[in-house]
Amino acid sequence: MAKGKVLYSCNECGAQSSKWTGQCGDCGAWNSLIEVAMVATIQRNRAGGFSGGAGAGPVQSLTEVMPDDVQRQLTGIAEFDRVLGGGLVPGSVVLLGGDPGIGKSTLLLQTLVGMGQQVKGLYVTGEESLQQVSLRAHRLGLADTNLQLLAETRVETILATAQQQQPQVMVVDSIQTVYTDQLQSAPGAVAQVRESTAQLVRYAKQAELAIFLVGHVTKEGTLAGPRVLEHMVDTVLYFEGDSGSRYRLVRAFKNRFGAVNELGVFAMTDKGLREVNNPSAIFLSRHDEPVPGSVVMVTLEGSRPLLVEVQALVDDSHLTNPRRVTTGLDSNRLAMLLAVLHRHGGIVTYDQDVFANVVGGVRVTETGADLAVVLALMSSLRNRTLPQDLVVFGEVGLAGEIRPVPNGQERLAEAVKHGFKRALVPKANAPREKIPGLDVIAVSRLEQALAADL
């Protein structure tokens, strides 16, 4: 193998240069050249052909390739297994991102200790000393374990240690501190993060080693480093929630071995993260008496229906441009719903400040929240309370129609389980057979929903 050569590649067009310049000579983009490691691995053989690179196997038909019966490794934390798609797949690389102090290191330390009874784990720390990791383990009550620890940031040393220790699960905390000798840039640079991740991914596939990578999050809420980092790994998980709040949410945004948008709910305690088996109970804020601007909806997170409370506040505005503020909802969606209310419901809000919020810090991105937001807005505007035993879901179209949402039966079953007696749903989601204890009101137009006897 020839000696590695350092080149500079443009992030915009992919053009390469032997030296760094402020502007790409091909596409004209500024400050887009990053350092990359180019290793010559192709060698000409005596017969005039080429050899090298990954070993090419014979071409096979899809019917001849039988899928292996992969035995997933359970982490011992049911909520974490749900987000991973049923457990940890050997040879997979999982990227876990989140704000500082939200619990990334705590969750992975608990996971390695919990799996230590069946598999051998290695915890690589690049930000803390071994004494600091030991202090956290003692505080969480996890010190009585034979977990292997390594304080190292050089990726070549990490891989050599992994080859010697032969762990089945390894944690690298964090990937921004790891560097490789092939590049001269500082740890945390775009090129260092990408090349170090590439080496770890290659080793994970060869050794059937499951690796957790901890990634920092920028002020914009995205993973620090190149976006290609998310494409190199098998699973991308994000920690959500306020670090000052007790509850933490782990959401899957990419998973090659399971469903995306799965949600795991945890509660932070003095003994670490504890899983919440019934998250709908913590997201529902039961008032002593009905209040205007509040309604409960059923949202779908992956394969799990969740009951969350949607709140709205409509108040007189003294501004030229009234405010439209959302928390946990899409602000553009709120503006669209207000326009639909004006066109098809005759409700004017151009002189009103409108605030919409999802209780509990949950972010609802599906369109099934439209009908709940509309009813909450009307409840606040008219100062009329909605029944506490009412649950709502449905999509509102631009023509004023109420469109169905997926998994309507599962949503209604979740509502019945928590004691709700009435449901306002799209007509296409109405159950064919009557559900005991639940009065279902099916509507097909926005006008019907606003005029419904609730």
Protein backbone atom coordinates (compact mmCIF):
# COMPACT_ATOMS: atom_id res chain seq x y z
CA MET A 1 0.00 0.00 0.00
CA ALA A 2 1.35 3.37 -0.97
CA LYS A 3 1.92 6.15 1.52
CA GLY A 4 -1.14 8.25 2.37
CA LYS A 5 -1.46 11.59 0.64
CA VAL A 6 -3.39 14.58 1.95
CA LEU A 7 -5.66 16.38 -0.50
CA TYR A 8 -8.36 19.00 -0.19
CA SER A 9 -11.88 18.35 -1.44
CA CYS A 10 -14.69 20.83 -2.04
CA ASN A 11 -17.85 20.20 -0.02
CA GLU A 12 -20.01 21.74 -2.75
CA CYS A 13 -18.84 20.16 -6.00
CA GLY A 14 -16.31 17.50 -4.92
CA ALA A 15 -13.37 18.99 -6.81
CA GLN A 16 -9.95 18.14 -5.37
CA SER A 17 -6.87 20.29 -4.92
CA SER A 18 -3.34 19.58 -3.74
CA LYS A 19 -3.33 22.66 -1.49
CA TRP A 20 -5.88 24.68 0.43
CA THR A 21 -7.32 27.84 -1.07
CA GLY A 22 -10.04 30.13 0.16
CA GLN A 23 -12.18 29.66 -2.95
CA CYS A 24 -12.86 26.52 -4.98
CA GLY A 25 -11.46 26.91 -8.48
CA ASP A 26 -14.25 24.82 -10.06
CA CYS A 27 -17.51 26.03 -8.51
CA GLY A 28 -16.36 29.28 -6.90
CA ALA A 29 -17.61 28.41 -3.37
CA TRP A 30 -15.79 30.11 -0.51
CA ASN A 31 -14.24 28.23 2.44
CA SER A 32 -15.53 24.89 1.13
CA LEU A 33 -12.22 23.00 0.87
CA ILE A 34 -11.65 20.42 3.61
CA GLU A 35 -8.72 18.11 4.23
CA VAL A 36 -9.21 14.48 3.24
CA ALA A 37 -6.94 11.46 3.38
CA MET A 38 -6.35 9.80 0.03
CA VAL A 39 -4.69 6.41 0.29
CA ALA A 40 -3.58 4.72 -2.92
CA THR A 41 -4.73 1.12 -2.67
CA ILE A 42 -5.00 0.15 -6.32
CA GLN A 43 -2.03 -1.59 -7.79
CA ARG A 44 -1.49 -2.81 -11.31
CA ASN A 45 -0.74 -6.53 -11.52
CA ARG A 46 1.47 -8.28 -13.97
CA ALA A 47 -1.38 -9.20 -16.30
CA GLY A 48 -2.19 -5.57 -16.90
CA GLY A 49 -5.32 -5.55 -14.73
CA PHE A 50 -5.95 -4.00 -11.35
CA SER A 51 -6.25 -5.54 -7.93
CA GLY A 52 -6.81 -4.15 -4.50
CA GLY A 53 -9.61 -2.52 -2.61
CA ALA A 54 -12.36 -4.62 -1.14
CA GLY A 55 -12.27 -8.28 -2.07
CA ALA A 56 -14.80 -8.82 -4.85
CA GLY A 57 -16.89 -11.96 -4.61
CA PRO A 58 -18.79 -13.80 -7.32
CA VAL A 59 -22.01 -12.32 -8.68
CA GLN A 60 -25.04 -14.05 -7.14
CA SER A 61 -28.77 -13.95 -7.72
CA LEU A 62 -30.93 -12.45 -5.00
CA THR A 63 -32.74 -15.78 -4.60
CA GLU A 64 -29.40 -17.49 -3.84
CA VAL A 65 -28.48 -15.12 -1.02
CA MET A 66 -30.13 -16.24 2.21
CA PRO A 67 -30.42 -13.65 5.00
CA ASP A 68 -28.58 -14.57 8.15
CA ASP A 69 -30.62 -15.09 11.29
CA VAL A 70 -29.25 -12.12 13.18
CA GLN A 71 -29.58 -12.45 16.93
CA ARG A 72 -30.12 -9.00 18.37
CA GLN A 73 -28.44 -8.17 21.65
CA LEU A 74 -30.85 -6.76 24.21
CA THR A 75 -29.54 -3.75 26.12
CA GLY A 76 -31.58 -4.49 29.22
CA ILE A 77 -33.48 -1.18 28.78
CA ALA A 78 -36.78 -1.81 27.03
CA GLU A 79 -37.25 1.77 25.85
CA PHE A 80 -33.76 1.81 24.34
CA ASP A 81 -34.38 -1.53 22.63
CA ARG A 82 -37.59 -0.10 21.14
CA VAL A 83 -35.73 2.83 19.60
CA LEU A 84 -33.01 0.53 18.25
CA GLY A 85 -35.64 -1.62 16.55
CA GLY A 86 -35.71 -4.55 18.98
CA GLY A 87 -32.11 -4.64 20.17
CA LEU A 88 -28.56 -4.04 19.08
CA VAL A 89 -27.40 -5.68 15.83
CA PRO A 90 -23.80 -7.02 15.83
CA GLY A 91 -21.60 -5.01 13.49
CA SER A 92 -23.83 -1.94 13.57
CA VAL A 93 -22.71 1.63 14.31
CA VAL A 94 -25.10 3.84 16.29
CA LEU A 95 -24.68 7.61 16.48
CA LEU A 96 -26.23 9.21 19.58
CA GLY A 97 -26.53 13.02 19.61
CA GLY A 98 -27.93 15.51 22.07
CA ASP A 99 -27.35 18.71 24.00
CA PRO A 100 -24.61 18.83 26.65
CA GLY A 101 -25.69 17.37 29.98
CA ILE A 102 -28.85 15.74 28.68
CA GLY A 103 -27.74 12.19 29.56
CA LYS A 104 -25.90 10.66 26.58
CA SER A 105 -22.94 9.33 28.58
CA THR A 106 -25.22 8.22 31.41
CA LEU A 107 -27.45 6.18 29.12
CA LEU A 108 -24.55 4.46 27.35
CA LEU A 109 -22.77 3.69 30.62
CA GLN A 110 -25.96 2.12 31.95
CA THR A 111 -26.32 0.19 28.69
CA LEU A 112 -22.81 -1.26 28.80
CA VAL A 113 -23.17 -2.23 32.45
CA GLY A 114 -26.56 -3.81 31.77
CA MET A 115 -25.18 -5.80 28.84
CA GLY A 116 -22.04 -6.77 30.76
CA GLN A 117 -23.68 -9.95 32.04
CA GLN A 118 -23.95 -11.41 28.53
CA VAL A 119 -21.43 -9.51 26.38
CA LYS A 120 -18.04 -7.90 26.85
CA GLY A 121 -18.00 -4.12 26.65
CA LEU A 122 -15.34 -1.43 26.20
CA TYR A 123 -15.97 2.22 27.14
CA VAL A 124 -13.61 4.64 25.38
CA THR A 125 -13.64 8.15 26.80
CA GLY A 126 -11.97 11.06 25.09
CA GLU A 127 -13.43 13.91 27.13
CA GLU A 128 -13.14 12.58 30.68
CA SER A 129 -10.51 10.82 32.71
CA LEU A 130 -11.00 7.30 34.02
CA GLN A 131 -11.50 8.73 37.52
CA GLN A 132 -14.37 10.90 36.28
CA VAL A 133 -16.06 7.91 34.65
CA SER A 134 -15.60 5.96 37.88
CA LEU A 135 -17.17 8.79 39.88
CA ARG A 136 -20.23 8.71 37.62
CA ALA A 137 -20.47 4.94 37.91
CA HIS A 138 -20.34 5.12 41.73
CA ARG A 139 -23.00 7.84 41.76
CA LEU A 140 -25.28 5.71 39.58
CA GLY A 141 -24.61 2.57 41.60
CA LEU A 142 -22.86 0.84 38.69
CA ALA A 143 -19.38 0.45 40.15
CA ASP A 144 -19.66 -3.29 40.88
CA THR A 145 -18.98 -4.42 37.33
CA ASN A 146 -16.05 -5.59 35.25
CA LEU A 147 -16.52 -3.01 32.49
CA GLN A 148 -13.32 -2.22 30.60
CA LEU A 149 -12.37 1.49 30.39
CA LEU A 150 -9.95 3.25 28.04
CA ALA A 151 -9.00 6.94 27.96
CA GLU A 152 -7.74 7.53 24.42
CA THR A 153 -8.39 9.85 21.47
CA ARG A 154 -6.14 8.36 18.75
CA VAL A 155 -8.27 6.13 16.55
CA GLU A 156 -5.40 3.80 15.64
CA THR A 157 -4.77 3.08 19.34
CA ILE A 158 -8.48 2.57 19.96
CA LEU A 159 -8.72 0.01 17.16
CA ALA A 160 -5.55 -1.78 18.32
CA THR A 161 -6.96 -2.03 21.84
CA ALA A 162 -10.30 -3.30 20.51
CA GLN A 163 -8.48 -5.93 18.46
CA GLN A 164 -6.60 -7.05 21.56
CA GLN A 165 -9.54 -7.00 24.00
CA GLN A 166 -12.11 -8.35 21.50
CA PRO A 167 -15.19 -6.58 22.94
CA GLN A 168 -18.65 -7.17 21.51
CA VAL A 169 -19.92 -3.65 22.26
CA MET A 170 -17.84 -0.46 22.33
CA VAL A 171 -18.70 3.15 23.19
CA VAL A 172 -16.67 6.09 21.83
CA ASP A 173 -17.41 9.25 23.84
CA SER A 174 -17.19 11.41 21.85
CA ILE A 175 -16.37 11.20 18.15
CA GLN A 176 -15.40 14.90 18.07
CA THR A 177 -12.38 14.19 20.28
CA VAL A 178 -11.01 11.32 18.17
CA TYR A 179 -8.27 11.94 15.59
CA THR A 180 -6.21 9.94 13.12
CA ASP A 181 -2.51 10.21 12.28
CA GLN A 182 -3.32 10.28 8.57
CA LEU A 183 -4.42 13.92 8.82
CA GLN A 184 -2.69 16.94 10.25
CA SER A 185 -5.78 18.92 11.24
CA ALA A 186 -6.86 19.28 14.87
CA PRO A 187 -9.33 16.88 16.53
CA GLY A 188 -12.91 17.93 15.92
CA ALA A 189 -12.22 19.20 12.41
CA VAL A 190 -14.51 18.03 9.64
CA ALA A 191 -11.87 15.83 8.04
CA GLN A 192 -10.82 14.26 11.35
CA VAL A 193 -14.37 13.41 12.35
CA ARG A 194 -15.19 11.88 8.98
CA GLU A 195 -11.98 9.85 8.60
CA SER A 196 -12.06 8.59 12.20
CA THR A 197 -15.68 7.50 11.78
CA ALA A 198 -14.82 5.74 8.51
CA GLN A 199 -12.10 3.69 10.22
CA LEU A 200 -14.39 2.76 13.11
CA VAL A 201 -17.19 1.74 10.73
CA ARG A 202 -14.83 -0.45 8.69
CA TYR A 203 -13.58 -2.22 11.79
CA ALA A 204 -17.12 -2.69 13.13
CA LYS A 205 -18.20 -4.46 9.94
CA GLN A 206 -15.10 -6.67 9.83
CA ALA A 207 -15.11 -7.66 13.51
CA GLU A 208 -18.92 -7.82 13.99
CA LEU A 209 -18.49 -5.23 16.73
CA ALA A 210 -21.39 -2.97 17.73
CA ILE A 211 -20.20 0.60 18.29
CA PHE A 212 -21.95 3.56 19.92
CA LEU A 213 -20.66 6.98 18.86
CA VAL A 214 -21.52 10.03 20.94
CA GLY A 215 -21.91 13.20 18.86
CA HIS A 216 -22.14 16.81 19.95
CA VAL A 217 -25.02 19.01 18.82
CA THR A 218 -24.60 22.54 17.48
CA LYS A 219 -26.68 25.57 18.43
CA GLU A 220 -28.92 24.85 15.44
CA GLY A 221 -29.76 21.43 16.90
CA THR A 222 -27.86 19.36 14.33
CA LEU A 223 -24.94 17.02 14.86
CA ALA A 224 -21.61 18.80 14.83
CA GLY A 225 -19.41 17.80 11.93
CA PRO A 226 -20.21 16.91 8.33
CA ARG A 227 -23.65 15.71 7.34
CA VAL A 228 -21.96 12.73 5.73
CA LEU A 229 -21.40 11.40 9.25
CA GLU A 230 -25.09 10.51 9.49
CA HIS A 231 -24.90 8.62 6.19
CA MET A 232 -21.90 6.56 7.29
CA VAL A 233 -23.54 5.02 10.35
CA ASP A 234 -26.42 2.55 10.56
CA THR A 235 -28.56 4.29 13.17
CA VAL A 236 -28.93 7.94 14.21
CA LEU A 237 -30.53 8.70 17.57
CA TYR A 238 -31.23 12.12 19.08
CA PHE A 239 -31.80 13.07 22.70
CA GLU A 240 -34.64 15.57 23.05
CA GLY A 241 -36.05 17.53 25.94
CA ASP A 242 -34.92 20.32 28.21
CA SER A 243 -31.88 19.47 30.33
CA GLY A 244 -33.65 21.16 33.25
CA SER A 245 -36.67 18.89 32.92
CA ARG A 246 -36.90 15.45 34.42
CA TYR A 247 -38.01 13.64 31.28
CA ARG A 248 -35.82 12.77 28.30
CA LEU A 249 -36.88 11.57 24.85
CA VAL A 250 -34.71 9.46 22.53
CA ARG A 251 -35.89 9.53 18.92
CA ALA A 252 -34.62 7.49 15.96
CA PHE A 253 -34.11 9.50 12.77
CA LYS A 254 -32.38 6.75 10.81
CA ASN A 255 -32.34 3.01 11.40
CA ARG A 256 -31.29 0.39 8.89
CA PHE A 257 -32.50 -2.37 11.19
CA GLY A 258 -35.82 -0.99 12.39
CA ALA A 259 -38.51 1.65 12.04
CA VAL A 260 -37.64 5.34 12.11
CA ASN A 261 -39.37 7.93 14.30
CA GLU A 262 -39.54 5.48 17.18
CA LEU A 263 -39.57 7.20 20.54
CA GLY A 264 -38.12 6.13 23.88
CA VAL A 265 -39.12 7.96 27.04
CA PHE A 266 -36.85 8.18 30.09
CA ALA A 267 -36.95 9.93 33.45
CA MET A 268 -33.74 11.34 34.92
CA THR A 269 -33.25 10.35 38.57
CA ASP A 270 -30.38 10.43 41.03
CA LYS A 271 -29.60 6.87 39.94
CA GLY A 272 -29.49 7.65 36.24
CA LEU A 273 -32.10 7.27 33.50
CA ARG A 274 -35.15 5.16 34.20
CA GLU A 275 -37.50 4.05 31.45
CA VAL A 276 -41.13 5.23 31.39
CA ASN A 277 -43.42 2.38 30.40
CA ASN A 278 -46.59 4.50 30.10
CA PRO A 279 -45.52 7.83 28.58
CA SER A 280 -49.08 8.98 27.85
CA ALA A 281 -49.65 9.37 31.58
CA ILE A 282 -46.84 11.91 31.98
CA PHE A 283 -47.77 13.94 28.89
CA LEU A 284 -51.39 14.37 29.99
CA SER A 285 -51.89 17.27 32.37
CA ARG A 286 -55.20 16.65 34.09
CA HIS A 287 -56.76 19.92 35.23
CA ASP A 288 -58.96 20.11 38.31
CA GLU A 289 -61.64 21.67 36.10
CA PRO A 290 -61.97 22.19 32.33
CA VAL A 291 -60.08 25.22 30.98
CA PRO A 292 -60.44 26.96 27.59
CA GLY A 293 -57.83 26.32 24.91
CA SER A 294 -56.94 22.76 25.92
CA VAL A 295 -57.66 19.49 24.12
CA VAL A 296 -56.11 16.01 24.11
CA MET A 297 -54.98 14.38 20.87
CA VAL A 298 -53.53 10.98 19.95
CA THR A 299 -50.28 11.18 18.00
CA LEU A 300 -48.32 8.31 16.55
CA GLU A 301 -44.60 8.01 17.31
CA GLY A 302 -43.28 5.12 15.25
CA SER A 303 -45.43 2.16 16.27
CA ARG A 304 -46.61 3.70 19.55
CA PRO A 305 -49.72 5.90 19.98
CA LEU A 306 -49.25 8.68 22.54
CA LEU A 307 -51.79 10.91 24.22
CA VAL A 308 -50.60 14.51 24.45
CA GLU A 309 -52.28 17.74 25.41
CA VAL A 310 -52.43 20.57 22.87
CA GLN A 311 -52.90 24.08 24.25
CA ALA A 312 -53.72 27.32 22.44
CA LEU A 313 -54.03 30.94 23.49
CA VAL A 314 -55.69 33.58 21.30
CA ASP A 315 -55.46 37.15 22.59
CA ASP A 316 -55.94 40.68 21.27
CA SER A 317 -52.83 42.04 19.57
CA HIS A 318 -51.60 45.62 19.62
CA LEU A 319 -48.89 44.94 17.06
CA THR A 320 -48.94 45.69 13.35
CA ASN A 321 -48.05 42.08 12.65
CA PRO A 322 -49.70 39.79 15.22
CA ARG A 323 -47.48 37.05 16.63
CA ARG A 324 -47.73 33.39 15.67
CA VAL A 325 -45.73 31.37 18.19
CA THR A 326 -45.57 27.56 18.37
CA THR A 327 -43.80 25.14 20.70
CA GLY A 328 -43.67 21.53 19.58
CA LEU A 329 -45.64 22.29 16.39
CA ASP A 330 -44.83 23.56 12.90
CA SER A 331 -45.31 27.33 12.72
CA ASN A 332 -46.05 27.19 8.98
CA ARG A 333 -48.75 24.62 9.66
CA LEU A 334 -50.35 26.96 12.20
CA ALA A 335 -50.44 29.80 9.67
CA MET A 336 -52.13 27.49 7.17
CA LEU A 337 -54.75 26.37 9.69
CA LEU A 338 -55.58 30.00 10.51
CA ALA A 339 -56.10 30.69 6.81
CA VAL A 340 -58.38 27.66 6.49
CA LEU A 341 -60.35 28.83 9.53
CA HIS A 342 -60.84 32.22 7.92
CA ARG A 343 -61.86 30.86 4.51
CA HIS A 344 -64.06 27.93 5.51
CA GLY A 345 -65.08 28.82 9.06
CA GLY A 346 -65.43 32.58 8.91
CA ILE A 347 -63.08 32.99 11.89
CA VAL A 348 -60.93 36.14 11.71
CA THR A 349 -57.61 36.21 13.62
CA TYR A 350 -55.67 38.92 11.78
CA ASP A 351 -55.88 41.14 14.88
CA GLN A 352 -55.08 38.36 17.37
CA ASP A 353 -51.86 36.95 18.80
CA VAL A 354 -51.93 33.16 18.49
CA PHE A 355 -49.85 30.81 20.64
CA ALA A 356 -49.87 27.00 20.34
CA ASN A 357 -48.05 24.53 22.56
CA VAL A 358 -47.69 20.77 23.09
CA VAL A 359 -47.42 19.97 26.79
CA GLY A 360 -44.47 17.94 28.04
CA GLY A 361 -41.86 19.00 25.51
CA VAL A 362 -43.06 16.58 22.82
CA ARG A 363 -42.57 17.66 19.21
CA VAL A 364 -45.52 16.69 17.00
CA THR A 365 -44.69 16.72 13.30
CA GLU A 366 -47.55 14.71 11.84
CA THR A 367 -50.60 16.31 10.24
CA GLY A 368 -52.92 14.41 12.58
CA ALA A 369 -52.61 17.30 15.05
CA ASP A 370 -54.45 19.73 12.74
CA LEU A 371 -57.94 19.11 14.08
CA ALA A 372 -56.77 19.29 17.70
CA VAL A 373 -55.02 22.63 17.07
CA VAL A 374 -58.15 24.05 15.39
CA LEU A 375 -60.40 23.05 18.29
CA ALA A 376 -57.95 24.42 20.85
CA LEU A 377 -57.82 27.73 18.97
CA MET A 378 -61.61 27.98 18.81
CA SER A 379 -61.91 27.05 22.48
CA SER A 380 -59.54 29.86 23.49
CA LEU A 381 -61.05 32.40 21.08
CA ARG A 382 -64.61 31.79 22.29
CA ASN A 383 -63.53 31.17 25.90
CA ARG A 384 -65.46 27.91 25.90
CA THR A 385 -64.12 24.78 27.52
CA LEU A 386 -63.99 21.38 25.84
CA PRO A 387 -64.93 18.18 27.70
CA GLN A 388 -62.10 16.54 29.61
CA ASP A 389 -63.08 13.11 28.30
CA LEU A 390 -62.73 14.21 24.64
CA VAL A 391 -59.91 13.08 22.38
CA VAL A 392 -59.28 14.48 18.88
CA PHE A 393 -57.16 13.69 15.83
CA GLY A 394 -57.38 14.37 12.10
CA GLU A 395 -55.80 16.29 9.22
CA VAL A 396 -57.33 19.51 7.90
CA GLY A 397 -56.99 20.14 4.17
CA LEU A 398 -56.87 23.45 2.35
CA ALA A 399 -60.35 22.88 0.96
CA GLY A 400 -61.74 22.53 4.49
CA GLU A 401 -62.01 18.74 4.37
CA ILE A 402 -61.07 16.51 7.32
CA ARG A 403 -58.71 13.89 6.00
CA PRO A 404 -57.95 10.51 7.66
CA VAL A 405 -54.69 9.67 9.41
CA PRO A 406 -52.88 6.31 9.66
CA ASN A 407 -53.57 3.79 12.42
CA GLY A 408 -56.89 5.25 13.49
CA GLN A 409 -57.99 2.08 15.33
CA GLU A 410 -54.81 1.97 17.41
CA ARG A 411 -55.29 5.62 18.39
CA LEU A 412 -58.85 5.01 19.53
CA ALA A 413 -57.79 1.93 21.50
CA GLU A 414 -55.15 4.01 23.32
CA ALA A 415 -57.77 6.64 24.16
CA VAL A 416 -60.15 4.04 25.59
CA LYS A 417 -57.34 2.57 27.70
CA HIS A 418 -56.88 5.97 29.39
CA GLY A 419 -60.56 6.49 30.13
CA PHE A 420 -61.70 8.82 27.34
CA LYS A 421 -65.40 8.64 26.52
CA ARG A 422 -65.71 10.77 23.35
CA ALA A 423 -63.64 11.06 20.19
CA LEU A 424 -63.85 13.52 17.28
CA VAL A 425 -62.22 11.84 14.28
CA PRO A 426 -62.26 11.96 10.46
CA LYS A 427 -65.12 10.08 8.87
CA ALA A 428 -62.72 7.67 7.15
CA ASN A 429 -61.21 6.75 10.56
CA ALA A 430 -64.56 5.92 12.16
CA PRO A 431 -64.62 2.30 13.40
CA ARG A 432 -66.90 -0.11 11.61
CA GLU A 433 -68.08 -1.62 14.88
CA LYS A 434 -68.98 0.36 17.99
CA ILE A 435 -66.22 0.55 20.58
CA PRO A 436 -67.59 -0.15 24.08
CA GLY A 437 -67.41 2.94 26.27
CA LEU A 438 -66.44 5.34 23.45
CA ASP A 439 -68.78 7.70 21.58
CA VAL A 440 -67.16 8.41 18.21
CA ILE A 441 -68.16 11.59 16.32
CA ALA A 442 -67.06 11.32 12.68
CA VAL A 443 -66.79 14.49 10.56
CA SER A 444 -65.77 15.08 6.97
CA ARG A 445 -65.76 18.91 6.83
CA LEU A 446 -64.31 21.63 9.02
CA GLU A 447 -67.74 23.19 9.38
CA GLN A 448 -69.07 19.95 10.89
CA ALA A 449 -66.21 19.84 13.39
CA LEU A 450 -66.82 23.41 14.53
CA ALA A 451 -70.57 22.80 14.86
CA ALA A 452 -70.27 19.41 16.57
CA ASP A 453 -72.14 19.02 19.86
CA LEU A 454 -69.28 18.37 22.26
